[in-house]
Amino acid sequence: MYLSQSMIKVGIVGISGYSGLTALEILLKHPHVRVTYVSANNTEGSLSDIWPQLTGRTNLYCKKFDLKTAVDLCDLIFLAVPHTASLEITPGLLNANKRVVDLSGDYRLKNIKDYEKWYGAKHGDAKNLKKAVYGLPELYRQDIVKAQLISNPGCYPTAALLALAPLSAFHGHDISSIIIDAKSGVSGAGRKAKLSLNFTEVNENFKAYKVLHHQHAPEIDLYLSKFSNHQLNVHFVPHLLPINRGILETIYVHINEKMGFNELYSLYQKFYKTEPFVRLLPKGQQPEIKHVTGTNMCDLGLEISADSRLIVITSVIDNLVKGAAGQAVQNMNIMCGFKEAEGLV
C-alpha cells in the first residue's frame, strides 16, 4: 500500500470542524497533495461560505459524505470527525484499499471494553482496531510507513507522551507516580455549540473538568506502559483555558531512585536529537504556548527537585496542529514517502 507517486489525491471528511479546516490549510500549501474531496454531515456549501478565510484559495464544495465519491476521488482520506463517526466510515474506505488517517478516538484504545467504557459507545470494528497503527511519529515511525489505517493521537496524549517517553522508556521501573496538570484552549472541544463553551462562560474564567475521568487518560496509560514495558498509570486533570488554541501540560513524576539534572537532560537530548518537531529548551527555560501556536512543534522544559526525587516536565503544543491536523499530515508524509516536514515548516 506504499504510495510512491509524486502527487496524491486527498480527501477531508469533517471539513466544517477546526481540525478539518486546519488540515486543509496545511494541505493547500503541500507540493505533493491535491485536495480533491471534502465533506461534512451537517454542513453543505462552498468552502468560502463555510470558512470565509478560504475565499479565493479553493473551489471545493462540501456535501454530505458519500463513500463511492470519496473512493473514486481520493488516494488517502483524513477523518476529522467526532468519535463513533469514524467507525461507520473507515471499514468501507479500507475495503476499497484506501489509506486512512483517523483523527478521532475510535481506533486508539486496543481493548474494545476500554473504548466502550471511556467513550460510552459500542465499537463494532475489532478487525480494523487490530490493524490500526498509533500515529505518534517520534515513536512509531517504522510502523506508520507500512500502515493502511493510522489512529492519530489525541491532543492531550501527544503532549504527555512526548514529554514522558524518554523517561518511561529508560526508567519506567523507577517511576512511582505521574500527575499531569493539563490546560487546553477552547478549540480542543471542537466547534459544536455548547453553553459551557460560550464566550461569556469561558472569558475571564479558568476551570478543571472531567477530573480523573477524561477519555485521554487510558490512552496515555496504554502507550506509556508499552514504552516502558512496565504498567504505568497517570493521574490526569484537564483544565479549560480562556484562549482559542494551545495546550500546556505540567507533569510531576515521582521517582524511587535519585537522578541528577544533567543525566535527565542528556537523556532527553539524545532521545530527540534527530526529531524535527520536538524542541528541548535550554536548561533553565520553560516553554510557552505562544511559541508553538500555528506550528507542528512540541516544546519541552525540564526541572528536578533539590532532593532529586521529583521531576517536572513542561510540554506545550498547538492542539489543532501537532495535537491534530499537523500530526495527521506528518503521518501522511511518512506513509507516502514524502519528506516528513513537507508542508509543515
C-alpha atoms as a PDB file:
ATOM      1  CA  MET A   1       0.000   0.000   0.000  1.00  0.00           C
ATOM      2  CA  TYR A   2       3.014   2.335  -0.288  1.00  0.00           C
ATOM      3  CA  LEU A   3       2.028   5.446  -2.256  1.00  0.00           C
ATOM      4  CA  SER A   4       5.108   6.336  -4.246  1.00  0.00           C
ATOM      5  CA  GLN A   5       3.690   8.793  -6.764  1.00  0.00           C
ATOM      6  CA  SER A   6       4.828  12.395  -6.511  1.00  0.00           C
ATOM      7  CA  MET A   7       1.269  13.772  -6.288  1.00  0.00           C
ATOM      8  CA  ILE A   8      -1.577  12.203  -4.315  1.00  0.00           C
ATOM      9  CA  LYS A   9      -5.292  12.978  -4.147  1.00  0.00           C
ATOM     10  CA  VAL A  10      -6.529  13.612  -0.629  1.00  0.00           C
ATOM     11  CA  GLY A  11      -9.965  13.945   0.928  1.00  0.00           C
ATOM     12  CA  ILE A  12     -11.045  15.512   4.228  1.00  0.00           C
ATOM     13  CA  VAL A  13     -14.173  14.244   5.930  1.00  0.00           C
ATOM     14  CA  GLY A  14     -15.337  16.698   8.586  1.00  0.00           C
ATOM     15  CA  ILE A  15     -14.260  19.900   6.875  1.00  0.00           C
ATOM     16  CA  SER A  16     -16.651  22.055   8.930  1.00  0.00           C
ATOM     17  CA  GLY A  17     -14.653  21.495  12.138  1.00  0.00           C
ATOM     18  CA  TYR A  18     -11.479  23.189  13.318  1.00  0.00           C
ATOM     19  CA  SER A  19      -9.254  20.160  12.706  1.00  0.00           C
ATOM     20  CA  GLY A  20     -10.656  19.702   9.206  1.00  0.00           C
ATOM     21  CA  LEU A  21     -10.045  23.360   8.389  1.00  0.00           C
ATOM     22  CA  THR A  22      -6.506  23.217   9.786  1.00  0.00           C
ATOM     23  CA  ALA A  23      -5.739  20.105   7.730  1.00  0.00           C
ATOM     24  CA  LEU A  24      -6.973  21.821   4.560  1.00  0.00           C
ATOM     25  CA  GLU A  25      -4.957  24.979   5.229  1.00  0.00           C
ATOM     26  CA  ILE A  26      -1.814  22.868   5.570  1.00  0.00           C
ATOM     27  CA  LEU A  27      -2.566  20.687   2.541  1.00  0.00           C
ATOM     28  CA  LEU A  28      -3.302  23.636   0.256  1.00  0.00           C
ATOM     29  CA  LYS A  29       0.387  24.541   0.632  1.00  0.00           C
ATOM     30  CA  HIS A  30       1.676  20.974   0.269  1.00  0.00           C
ATOM     31  CA  PRO A  31       3.614  20.499  -3.009  1.00  0.00           C
ATOM     32  CA  HIS A  32       2.666  16.817  -3.377  1.00  0.00           C
ATOM     33  CA  VAL A  33      -1.034  16.936  -2.484  1.00  0.00           C
ATOM     34  CA  ARG A  34      -4.178  17.887  -4.334  1.00  0.00           C
ATOM     35  CA  VAL A  35      -7.273  18.061  -2.142  1.00  0.00           C
ATOM     36  CA  THR A  36      -9.992  16.553  -4.297  1.00  0.00           C
ATOM     37  CA  TYR A  37     -12.833  15.884  -1.869  1.00  0.00           C
ATOM     38  CA  VAL A  38     -14.361  17.432   1.264  1.00  0.00           C
ATOM     39  CA  SER A  39     -17.487  16.548   3.182  1.00  0.00           C
ATOM     40  CA  ALA A  40     -19.388  17.200   6.404  1.00  0.00           C
ATOM     41  CA  ASN A  41     -22.601  15.585   7.544  1.00  0.00           C
ATOM     42  CA  ASN A  42     -24.247  18.727   8.929  1.00  0.00           C
ATOM     43  CA  THR A  43     -22.916  21.401   6.581  1.00  0.00           C
ATOM     44  CA  GLU A  44     -23.236  21.905   2.826  1.00  0.00           C
ATOM     45  CA  GLY A  45     -21.964  24.622   0.515  1.00  0.00           C
ATOM     46  CA  SER A  46     -18.841  26.146  -0.974  1.00  0.00           C
ATOM     47  CA  LEU A  47     -15.866  26.257   1.370  1.00  0.00           C
ATOM     48  CA  SER A  48     -15.675  30.013   1.003  1.00  0.00           C
ATOM     49  CA  ASP A  49     -19.150  30.202   2.545  1.00  0.00           C
ATOM     50  CA  ILE A  50     -18.332  27.775   5.364  1.00  0.00           C
ATOM     51  CA  TRP A  51     -14.898  29.293   6.009  1.00  0.00           C
ATOM     52  CA  PRO A  52     -14.685  32.834   4.530  1.00  0.00           C
ATOM     53  CA  GLN A  53     -10.904  32.890   5.077  1.00  0.00           C
ATOM     54  CA  LEU A  54     -10.657  30.338   2.253  1.00  0.00           C
ATOM     55  CA  THR A  55     -12.177  32.723  -0.316  1.00  0.00           C
ATOM     56  CA  GLY A  56     -10.053  32.678  -3.465  1.00  0.00           C
ATOM     57  CA  ARG A  57      -7.946  29.763  -2.242  1.00  0.00           C
ATOM     58  CA  THR A  58     -10.132  26.829  -3.247  1.00  0.00           C
ATOM     59  CA  ASN A  59     -13.210  25.989  -5.297  1.00  0.00           C
ATOM     60  CA  LEU A  60     -14.069  22.865  -3.319  1.00  0.00           C
ATOM     61  CA  TYR A  61     -17.711  22.265  -2.464  1.00  0.00           C
ATOM     62  CA  CYS A  62     -18.818  20.451   0.686  1.00  0.00           C
ATOM     63  CA  LYS A  63     -21.587  17.832   0.639  1.00  0.00           C
ATOM     64  CA  LYS A  64     -22.646  15.029   2.952  1.00  0.00           C
ATOM     65  CA  PHE A  65     -20.200  12.111   2.978  1.00  0.00           C
ATOM     66  CA  ASP A  66     -20.632   9.639   0.130  1.00  0.00           C
ATOM     67  CA  LEU A  67     -18.427   6.545   0.148  1.00  0.00           C
ATOM     68  CA  LYS A  68     -18.392   5.954  -3.605  1.00  0.00           C
ATOM     69  CA  THR A  69     -17.444   9.556  -4.382  1.00  0.00           C
ATOM     70  CA  ALA A  70     -14.696   9.558  -1.755  1.00  0.00           C
ATOM     71  CA  VAL A  71     -13.277   6.284  -3.075  1.00  0.00           C
ATOM     72  CA  ASP A  72     -13.372   7.490  -6.684  1.00  0.00           C
ATOM     73  CA  LEU A  73     -11.681  10.817  -5.960  1.00  0.00           C
ATOM     74  CA  CYS A  74      -9.073  10.027  -3.300  1.00  0.00           C
ATOM     75  CA  ASP A  75      -5.939   8.024  -2.568  1.00  0.00           C
ATOM     76  CA  LEU A  76      -5.853   8.918   1.114  1.00  0.00           C
ATOM     77  CA  ILE A  77      -8.541  10.334   3.406  1.00  0.00           C
ATOM     78  CA  PHE A  78      -8.404  12.267   6.658  1.00  0.00           C
ATOM     79  CA  LEU A  79     -11.307  11.646   9.029  1.00  0.00           C
ATOM     80  CA  ALA A  80     -11.684  14.808  11.124  1.00  0.00           C
ATOM     81  CA  VAL A  81     -14.971  13.618  12.568  1.00  0.00           C
ATOM     82  CA  PRO A  82     -16.449  13.110  16.062  1.00  0.00           C
ATOM     83  CA  HIS A  83     -15.901   9.879  17.942  1.00  0.00           C
ATOM     84  CA  THR A  84     -18.050   6.956  16.685  1.00  0.00           C
ATOM     85  CA  ALA A  85     -18.460   8.556  13.226  1.00  0.00           C
ATOM     86  CA  SER A  86     -15.184   7.005  12.040  1.00  0.00           C
ATOM     87  CA  LEU A  87     -16.491   3.538  12.845  1.00  0.00           C
ATOM     88  CA  GLU A  88     -19.193   3.981  10.204  1.00  0.00           C
ATOM     89  CA  ILE A  89     -16.825   5.293   7.527  1.00  0.00           C
ATOM     90  CA  THR A  90     -13.470   3.548   7.965  1.00  0.00           C
ATOM     91  CA  PRO A  91     -14.382  -0.057   7.023  1.00  0.00           C
ATOM     92  CA  GLY A  92     -15.704   0.966   3.600  1.00  0.00           C
ATOM     93  CA  LEU A  93     -12.615   3.044   2.834  1.00  0.00           C
ATOM     94  CA  LEU A  94     -10.239   0.271   3.861  1.00  0.00           C
ATOM     95  CA  ASN A  95     -12.198  -2.304   1.851  1.00  0.00           C
ATOM     96  CA  ALA A  96     -11.676  -0.048  -1.161  1.00  0.00           C
ATOM     97  CA  ASN A  97      -7.914  -0.165  -0.493  1.00  0.00           C
ATOM     98  CA  LYS A  98      -7.692   3.489   0.548  1.00  0.00           C
ATOM     99  CA  ARG A  99      -5.356   4.750   3.248  1.00  0.00           C
ATOM    100  CA  VAL A 100      -6.970   6.474   6.214  1.00  0.00           C
ATOM    101  CA  VAL A 101      -5.727   8.861   8.888  1.00  0.00           C
ATOM    102  CA  ASP A 102      -8.375   8.981  11.612  1.00  0.00           C
ATOM    103  CA  LEU A 103      -8.276  11.985  13.944  1.00  0.00           C
ATOM    104  CA  SER A 104     -10.988  10.638  16.247  1.00  0.00           C
ATOM    105  CA  GLY A 105     -10.523   8.343  19.223  1.00  0.00           C
ATOM    106  CA  ASP A 106     -12.194   5.331  17.627  1.00  0.00           C
ATOM    107  CA  TYR A 107      -9.052   3.264  16.989  1.00  0.00           C
ATOM    108  CA  ARG A 108      -6.683   4.461  19.733  1.00  0.00           C
ATOM    109  CA  LEU A 109      -7.583   2.074  22.559  1.00  0.00           C
ATOM    110  CA  LYS A 110      -6.775  -1.530  21.697  1.00  0.00           C
ATOM    111  CA  ASN A 111      -9.283  -3.090  24.087  1.00  0.00           C
ATOM    112  CA  ILE A 112     -12.896  -2.775  22.942  1.00  0.00           C
ATOM    113  CA  LYS A 113     -14.171  -2.853  26.522  1.00  0.00           C
ATOM    114  CA  ASP A 114     -11.929   0.106  27.372  1.00  0.00           C
ATOM    115  CA  TYR A 115     -13.297   2.015  24.387  1.00  0.00           C
ATOM    116  CA  GLU A 116     -16.891   1.319  25.352  1.00  0.00           C
ATOM    117  CA  LYS A 117     -16.221   2.328  28.957  1.00  0.00           C
ATOM    118  CA  TRP A 118     -14.483   5.627  28.195  1.00  0.00           C
ATOM    119  CA  TYR A 119     -16.375   6.698  25.060  1.00  0.00           C
ATOM    120  CA  GLY A 120     -19.787   5.368  26.053  1.00  0.00           C
ATOM    121  CA  ALA A 121     -20.500   3.666  22.718  1.00  0.00           C
ATOM    122  CA  LYS A 122     -20.268   0.259  21.087  1.00  0.00           C
ATOM    123  CA  HIS A 123     -17.222  -0.269  18.894  1.00  0.00           C
ATOM    124  CA  GLY A 124     -18.058  -2.976  16.388  1.00  0.00           C
ATOM    125  CA  ASP A 125     -14.893  -2.925  14.263  1.00  0.00           C
ATOM    126  CA  ALA A 126     -12.474  -5.261  16.030  1.00  0.00           C
ATOM    127  CA  LYS A 127     -10.851  -6.265  12.746  1.00  0.00           C
ATOM    128  CA  ASN A 128      -9.603  -2.781  11.905  1.00  0.00           C
ATOM    129  CA  LEU A 129      -8.895  -1.915  15.524  1.00  0.00           C
ATOM    130  CA  LYS A 130      -6.213  -4.607  15.492  1.00  0.00           C
ATOM    131  CA  LYS A 131      -4.539  -3.268  12.345  1.00  0.00           C
ATOM    132  CA  ALA A 132      -4.663   0.435  13.275  1.00  0.00           C
ATOM    133  CA  VAL A 133      -1.239   1.974  13.926  1.00  0.00           C
ATOM    134  CA  TYR A 134      -0.924   4.656  16.592  1.00  0.00           C
ATOM    135  CA  GLY A 135       0.281   7.726  14.748  1.00  0.00           C
ATOM    136  CA  LEU A 136       2.866   9.246  17.044  1.00  0.00           C
ATOM    137  CA  PRO A 137       5.718   9.556  14.517  1.00  0.00           C
ATOM    138  CA  GLU A 138       8.506  10.079  17.021  1.00  0.00           C
ATOM    139  CA  LEU A 139       7.866   6.594  18.423  1.00  0.00           C
ATOM    140  CA  TYR A 140       6.092   4.586  15.719  1.00  0.00           C
ATOM    141  CA  ARG A 141       7.645   5.858  12.502  1.00  0.00           C
ATOM    142  CA  GLN A 142       8.573   2.414  11.164  1.00  0.00           C
ATOM    143  CA  ASP A 143       5.037   1.095  11.690  1.00  0.00           C
ATOM    144  CA  ILE A 144       3.457   4.202  10.149  1.00  0.00           C
ATOM    145  CA  VAL A 145       5.354   3.678   6.883  1.00  0.00           C
ATOM    146  CA  LYS A 146       3.556   0.362   6.298  1.00  0.00           C
ATOM    147  CA  ALA A 147       0.142   1.268   7.736  1.00  0.00           C
ATOM    148  CA  GLN A 148      -3.163   1.481   5.912  1.00  0.00           C
ATOM    149  CA  LEU A 149      -5.020   2.902   8.931  1.00  0.00           C
ATOM    150  CA  ILE A 150      -3.474   5.491  11.234  1.00  0.00           C
ATOM    151  CA  SER A 151      -5.079   6.339  14.553  1.00  0.00           C
ATOM    152  CA  ASN A 152      -3.951   9.911  15.118  1.00  0.00           C
ATOM    153  CA  PRO A 153      -3.214  10.509  18.828  1.00  0.00           C
ATOM    154  CA  GLY A 154      -5.330  12.778  20.986  1.00  0.00           C
ATOM    155  CA  CYS A 155      -4.064  16.284  21.653  1.00  0.00           C
ATOM    156  CA  TYR A 156      -3.534  15.832  25.392  1.00  0.00           C
ATOM    157  CA  PRO A 157      -1.808  12.432  24.911  1.00  0.00           C
ATOM    158  CA  THR A 158       0.523  13.865  22.256  1.00  0.00           C
ATOM    159  CA  ALA A 159       1.870  16.479  24.674  1.00  0.00           C
ATOM    160  CA  ALA A 160       2.005  13.968  27.545  1.00  0.00           C
ATOM    161  CA  LEU A 161       3.588  11.059  25.678  1.00  0.00           C
ATOM    162  CA  LEU A 162       6.295  13.171  24.059  1.00  0.00           C
ATOM    163  CA  ALA A 163       7.071  14.605  27.494  1.00  0.00           C
ATOM    164  CA  LEU A 164       7.218  11.211  29.203  1.00  0.00           C
ATOM    165  CA  ALA A 165       8.512   8.824  26.525  1.00  0.00           C
ATOM    166  CA  PRO A 166      12.264   9.120  27.233  1.00  0.00           C
ATOM    167  CA  LEU A 167      11.857   8.796  30.988  1.00  0.00           C
ATOM    168  CA  SER A 168       9.340   5.940  30.826  1.00  0.00           C
ATOM    169  CA  ALA A 169      11.342   4.035  28.201  1.00  0.00           C
ATOM    170  CA  PHE A 170      14.578   4.012  30.196  1.00  0.00           C
ATOM    171  CA  HIS A 171      13.447   4.495  33.794  1.00  0.00           C
ATOM    172  CA  GLY A 172       9.861   3.247  33.852  1.00  0.00           C
ATOM    173  CA  HIS A 173      10.548   0.858  36.717  1.00  0.00           C
ATOM    174  CA  ASP A 174      11.780   3.783  38.857  1.00  0.00           C
ATOM    175  CA  ILE A 175       8.570   5.813  38.476  1.00  0.00           C
ATOM    176  CA  SER A 176       6.251   5.723  41.494  1.00  0.00           C
ATOM    177  CA  SER A 177       3.606   8.233  40.339  1.00  0.00           C
ATOM    178  CA  ILE A 178       2.756  10.598  37.479  1.00  0.00           C
ATOM    179  CA  ILE A 179       0.464  13.614  37.837  1.00  0.00           C
ATOM    180  CA  ILE A 180      -0.478  15.524  34.686  1.00  0.00           C
ATOM    181  CA  ASP A 181      -1.855  19.040  35.146  1.00  0.00           C
ATOM    182  CA  ALA A 182      -3.109  19.816  31.628  1.00  0.00           C
ATOM    183  CA  LYS A 183      -4.588  23.006  30.194  1.00  0.00           C
ATOM    184  CA  SER A 184      -6.160  23.458  26.760  1.00  0.00           C
ATOM    185  CA  GLY A 185      -7.620  26.240  24.664  1.00  0.00           C
ATOM    186  CA  VAL A 186     -11.317  26.116  23.796  1.00  0.00           C
ATOM    187  CA  SER A 187     -10.852  24.833  20.228  1.00  0.00           C
ATOM    188  CA  GLY A 188      -9.893  21.499  21.756  1.00  0.00           C
ATOM    189  CA  ALA A 189     -13.591  20.928  22.454  1.00  0.00           C
ATOM    190  CA  GLY A 190     -14.489  21.318  18.784  1.00  0.00           C
ATOM    191  CA  ARG A 191     -16.840  23.717  17.030  1.00  0.00           C
ATOM    192  CA  LYS A 192     -20.104  22.465  18.477  1.00  0.00           C
ATOM    193  CA  ALA A 193     -22.489  24.883  20.168  1.00  0.00           C
ATOM    194  CA  LYS A 194     -22.483  24.300  23.926  1.00  0.00           C
ATOM    195  CA  LEU A 195     -23.318  26.619  26.795  1.00  0.00           C
ATOM    196  CA  SER A 196     -20.127  25.907  28.731  1.00  0.00           C
ATOM    197  CA  LEU A 197     -18.067  26.880  25.666  1.00  0.00           C
ATOM    198  CA  ASN A 198     -19.791  30.204  25.013  1.00  0.00           C
ATOM    199  CA  PHE A 199     -17.549  33.267  25.064  1.00  0.00           C
ATOM    200  CA  THR A 200     -19.110  34.722  28.210  1.00  0.00           C
ATOM    201  CA  GLU A 201     -18.717  31.397  30.026  1.00  0.00           C
ATOM    202  CA  VAL A 202     -15.067  30.936  29.059  1.00  0.00           C
ATOM    203  CA  ASN A 203     -13.740  34.501  29.037  1.00  0.00           C
ATOM    204  CA  GLU A 204     -12.184  35.649  32.328  1.00  0.00           C
ATOM    205  CA  ASN A 205     -12.611  32.109  33.634  1.00  0.00           C
ATOM    206  CA  PHE A 206     -10.498  29.024  34.305  1.00  0.00           C
ATOM    207  CA  LYS A 207     -11.722  25.618  35.399  1.00  0.00           C
ATOM    208  CA  ALA A 208     -10.944  21.925  35.688  1.00  0.00           C
ATOM    209  CA  TYR A 209     -13.237  19.365  34.055  1.00  0.00           C
ATOM    210  CA  LYS A 210     -13.550  15.568  33.850  1.00  0.00           C
ATOM    211  CA  VAL A 211     -11.150  15.383  36.790  1.00  0.00           C
ATOM    212  CA  LEU A 212      -9.543  11.900  36.796  1.00  0.00           C
ATOM    213  CA  HIS A 213     -12.231  10.768  34.327  1.00  0.00           C
ATOM    214  CA  HIS A 214     -11.072  12.076  30.937  1.00  0.00           C
ATOM    215  CA  GLN A 215     -11.078   9.642  27.988  1.00  0.00           C
ATOM    216  CA  HIS A 216      -7.476  10.512  27.143  1.00  0.00           C
ATOM    217  CA  ALA A 217      -6.159   9.080  30.428  1.00  0.00           C
ATOM    218  CA  PRO A 218      -6.360   5.403  29.349  1.00  0.00           C
ATOM    219  CA  GLU A 219      -4.715   6.322  26.042  1.00  0.00           C
ATOM    220  CA  ILE A 220      -1.757   7.821  27.907  1.00  0.00           C
ATOM    221  CA  ASP A 221      -1.599   4.819  30.254  1.00  0.00           C
ATOM    222  CA  LEU A 222      -1.657   2.347  27.364  1.00  0.00           C
ATOM    223  CA  TYR A 223       1.216   3.788  25.359  1.00  0.00           C
ATOM    224  CA  LEU A 224       3.358   4.812  28.333  1.00  0.00           C
ATOM    225  CA  SER A 225       3.164   1.228  29.539  1.00  0.00           C
ATOM    226  CA  LYS A 226       4.177  -0.009  26.081  1.00  0.00           C
ATOM    227  CA  PHE A 227       7.237   2.279  26.003  1.00  0.00           C
ATOM    228  CA  SER A 228       8.384   1.206  29.432  1.00  0.00           C
ATOM    229  CA  ASN A 229       7.407  -2.468  29.227  1.00  0.00           C
ATOM    230  CA  HIS A 230       6.024  -1.789  32.694  1.00  0.00           C
ATOM    231  CA  GLN A 231       2.497  -0.869  33.801  1.00  0.00           C
ATOM    232  CA  LEU A 232       2.240   2.884  34.348  1.00  0.00           C
ATOM    233  CA  ASN A 233      -0.870   4.858  35.246  1.00  0.00           C
ATOM    234  CA  VAL A 234      -1.253   8.623  35.283  1.00  0.00           C
ATOM    235  CA  HIS A 235      -3.418  10.930  37.359  1.00  0.00           C
ATOM    236  CA  PHE A 236      -4.770  13.235  34.665  1.00  0.00           C
ATOM    237  CA  VAL A 237      -6.563  16.533  35.358  1.00  0.00           C
ATOM    238  CA  PRO A 238      -7.521  18.703  32.347  1.00  0.00           C
ATOM    239  CA  HIS A 239      -8.439  22.391  32.534  1.00  0.00           C
ATOM    240  CA  LEU A 240     -10.080  24.808  30.098  1.00  0.00           C
ATOM    241  CA  LEU A 241      -8.039  27.905  29.315  1.00  0.00           C
ATOM    242  CA  PRO A 242      -9.755  31.111  28.100  1.00  0.00           C
ATOM    243  CA  ILE A 243      -7.734  31.093  24.847  1.00  0.00           C
ATOM    244  CA  ASN A 244      -8.516  29.816  21.351  1.00  0.00           C
ATOM    245  CA  ARG A 245      -5.780  27.215  20.946  1.00  0.00           C
ATOM    246  CA  GLY A 246      -2.786  25.637  22.601  1.00  0.00           C
ATOM    247  CA  ILE A 247      -2.030  23.056  25.295  1.00  0.00           C
ATOM    248  CA  LEU A 248       0.324  23.337  28.246  1.00  0.00           C
ATOM    249  CA  GLU A 249       0.929  20.338  30.487  1.00  0.00           C
ATOM    250  CA  THR A 250       2.910  20.448  33.713  1.00  0.00           C
ATOM    251  CA  ILE A 251       3.813  16.863  34.571  1.00  0.00           C
ATOM    252  CA  TYR A 252       5.032  15.791  38.007  1.00  0.00           C
ATOM    253  CA  VAL A 253       6.929  12.486  38.097  1.00  0.00           C
ATOM    254  CA  HIS A 254       7.931  10.971  41.436  1.00  0.00           C
ATOM    255  CA  ILE A 255      10.859   8.560  41.130  1.00  0.00           C
ATOM    256  CA  ASN A 256      12.237   5.952  43.532  1.00  0.00           C
ATOM    257  CA  GLU A 257      15.896   6.361  42.603  1.00  0.00           C
ATOM    258  CA  LYS A 258      17.617   9.717  42.642  1.00  0.00           C
ATOM    259  CA  MET A 259      18.511  11.249  39.282  1.00  0.00           C
ATOM    260  CA  GLY A 260      20.710  14.247  38.578  1.00  0.00           C
ATOM    261  CA  PHE A 261      19.509  17.025  36.323  1.00  0.00           C
ATOM    262  CA  ASN A 262      22.370  16.621  33.856  1.00  0.00           C
ATOM    263  CA  GLU A 263      21.582  12.912  33.497  1.00  0.00           C
ATOM    264  CA  LEU A 264      17.915  13.709  32.881  1.00  0.00           C
ATOM    265  CA  TYR A 265      18.684  16.467  30.390  1.00  0.00           C
ATOM    266  CA  SER A 266      21.168  14.290  28.482  1.00  0.00           C
ATOM    267  CA  LEU A 267      18.586  11.510  28.218  1.00  0.00           C
ATOM    268  CA  TYR A 268      16.069  13.839  26.552  1.00  0.00           C
ATOM    269  CA  GLN A 269      18.702  15.480  24.399  1.00  0.00           C
ATOM    270  CA  LYS A 270      19.784  12.136  22.937  1.00  0.00           C
ATOM    271  CA  PHE A 271      16.252  10.767  22.609  1.00  0.00           C
ATOM    272  CA  TYR A 272      15.021  13.686  20.496  1.00  0.00           C
ATOM    273  CA  LYS A 273      18.290  14.645  18.802  1.00  0.00           C
ATOM    274  CA  THR A 274      17.061  13.899  15.267  1.00  0.00           C
ATOM    275  CA  GLU A 275      13.361  14.721  15.692  1.00  0.00           C
ATOM    276  CA  PRO A 276      12.259  17.699  13.575  1.00  0.00           C
ATOM    277  CA  PHE A 277       9.220  18.618  15.662  1.00  0.00           C
ATOM    278  CA  VAL A 278      10.394  18.224  19.263  1.00  0.00           C
ATOM    279  CA  ARG A 279      12.436  21.006  20.830  1.00  0.00           C
ATOM    280  CA  LEU A 280      14.129  20.531  24.188  1.00  0.00           C
ATOM    281  CA  LEU A 281      14.606  24.004  25.612  1.00  0.00           C
ATOM    282  CA  PRO A 282      17.928  25.098  27.110  1.00  0.00           C
ATOM    283  CA  LYS A 283      18.459  24.408  30.799  1.00  0.00           C
ATOM    284  CA  GLY A 284      16.539  26.835  32.977  1.00  0.00           C
ATOM    285  CA  GLN A 285      13.971  27.730  30.308  1.00  0.00           C
ATOM    286  CA  GLN A 286      10.303  26.728  30.249  1.00  0.00           C
ATOM    287  CA  PRO A 287       8.058  26.510  27.156  1.00  0.00           C
ATOM    288  CA  GLU A 288       5.161  28.848  26.405  1.00  0.00           C
ATOM    289  CA  ILE A 289       2.043  28.271  24.332  1.00  0.00           C
ATOM    290  CA  LYS A 290       2.604  31.342  22.158  1.00  0.00           C
ATOM    291  CA  HIS A 291       5.907  29.891  20.930  1.00  0.00           C
ATOM    292  CA  VAL A 292       4.213  26.889  19.307  1.00  0.00           C
ATOM    293  CA  THR A 293       0.879  28.349  18.179  1.00  0.00           C
ATOM    294  CA  GLY A 294       0.343  27.659  14.479  1.00  0.00           C
ATOM    295  CA  THR A 295       3.247  25.195  14.343  1.00  0.00           C
ATOM    296  CA  ASN A 296       3.709  21.422  14.492  1.00  0.00           C
ATOM    297  CA  MET A 297       6.263  21.771  17.286  1.00  0.00           C
ATOM    298  CA  CYS A 298       6.285  20.288  20.775  1.00  0.00           C
ATOM    299  CA  ASP A 299       8.451  22.266  23.184  1.00  0.00           C
ATOM    300  CA  LEU A 300       9.727  20.607  26.370  1.00  0.00           C
ATOM    301  CA  GLY A 301      11.194  22.030  29.554  1.00  0.00           C
ATOM    302  CA  LEU A 302      12.795  20.053  32.403  1.00  0.00           C
ATOM    303  CA  GLU A 303      13.430  20.633  36.089  1.00  0.00           C
ATOM    304  CA  ILE A 304      14.219  18.420  39.068  1.00  0.00           C
ATOM    305  CA  SER A 305      13.711  18.948  42.811  1.00  0.00           C
ATOM    306  CA  ALA A 306      16.520  19.541  45.304  1.00  0.00           C
ATOM    307  CA  ASP A 307      16.171  16.011  46.685  1.00  0.00           C
ATOM    308  CA  SER A 308      16.324  14.583  43.109  1.00  0.00           C
ATOM    309  CA  ARG A 309      13.087  12.627  43.612  1.00  0.00           C
ATOM    310  CA  LEU A 310      10.607  14.840  41.737  1.00  0.00           C
ATOM    311  CA  ILE A 311      10.952  15.518  38.018  1.00  0.00           C
ATOM    312  CA  VAL A 312       8.849  18.289  36.475  1.00  0.00           C
ATOM    313  CA  ILE A 313       8.353  18.198  32.709  1.00  0.00           C
ATOM    314  CA  THR A 314       6.559  21.007  30.904  1.00  0.00           C
ATOM    315  CA  SER A 315       5.156  20.311  27.437  1.00  0.00           C
ATOM    316  CA  VAL A 316       3.394  22.649  25.012  1.00  0.00           C
ATOM    317  CA  ILE A 317       1.767  22.085  21.611  1.00  0.00           C
ATOM    318  CA  ASP A 318      -0.833  23.675  19.377  1.00  0.00           C
ATOM    319  CA  ASN A 319      -3.814  21.352  19.873  1.00  0.00           C
ATOM    320  CA  LEU A 320      -5.023  21.871  16.286  1.00  0.00           C
ATOM    321  CA  VAL A 321      -1.635  21.278  14.651  1.00  0.00           C
ATOM    322  CA  LYS A 322       0.710  18.879  16.487  1.00  0.00           C
ATOM    323  CA  GLY A 323      -2.325  17.809  18.516  1.00  0.00           C
ATOM    324  CA  ALA A 324      -4.459  17.035  15.462  1.00  0.00           C
ATOM    325  CA  ALA A 325      -4.169  18.110  11.803  1.00  0.00           C
ATOM    326  CA  GLY A 326      -0.437  18.834  11.667  1.00  0.00           C
ATOM    327  CA  GLN A 327       0.427  15.465  13.138  1.00  0.00           C
ATOM    328  CA  ALA A 328      -2.034  13.866  10.702  1.00  0.00           C
ATOM    329  CA  VAL A 329      -0.157  15.461   7.790  1.00  0.00           C
ATOM    330  CA  GLN A 330       3.149  14.375   9.345  1.00  0.00           C
ATOM    331  CA  ASN A 331       1.779  10.814   9.356  1.00  0.00           C
ATOM    332  CA  MET A 332       0.639  11.164   5.746  1.00  0.00           C
ATOM    333  CA  ASN A 333       4.115  12.323   4.724  1.00  0.00           C
ATOM    334  CA  ILE A 334       5.676   9.239   6.304  1.00  0.00           C
ATOM    335  CA  MET A 335       3.085   6.897   4.758  1.00  0.00           C
ATOM    336  CA  CYS A 336       3.575   8.328   1.285  1.00  0.00           C
ATOM    337  CA  GLY A 337       7.347   8.638   1.265  1.00  0.00           C
ATOM    338  CA  PHE A 338       7.443  12.453   1.318  1.00  0.00           C
ATOM    339  CA  LYS A 339       9.827  14.441   3.462  1.00  0.00           C
ATOM    340  CA  GLU A 340       8.381  14.292   6.955  1.00  0.00           C
ATOM    341  CA  ALA A 341       8.274  18.065   7.391  1.00  0.00           C
ATOM    342  CA  GLU A 342       6.750  18.741   3.943  1.00  0.00           C
ATOM    343  CA  GLY A 343       4.022  21.355   4.220  1.00  0.00           C
ATOM    344  CA  LEU A 344       4.615  21.784   7.954  1.00  0.00           C
ATOM    345  CA  VAL A 345       7.515  24.239   8.049  1.00  0.00           C
END
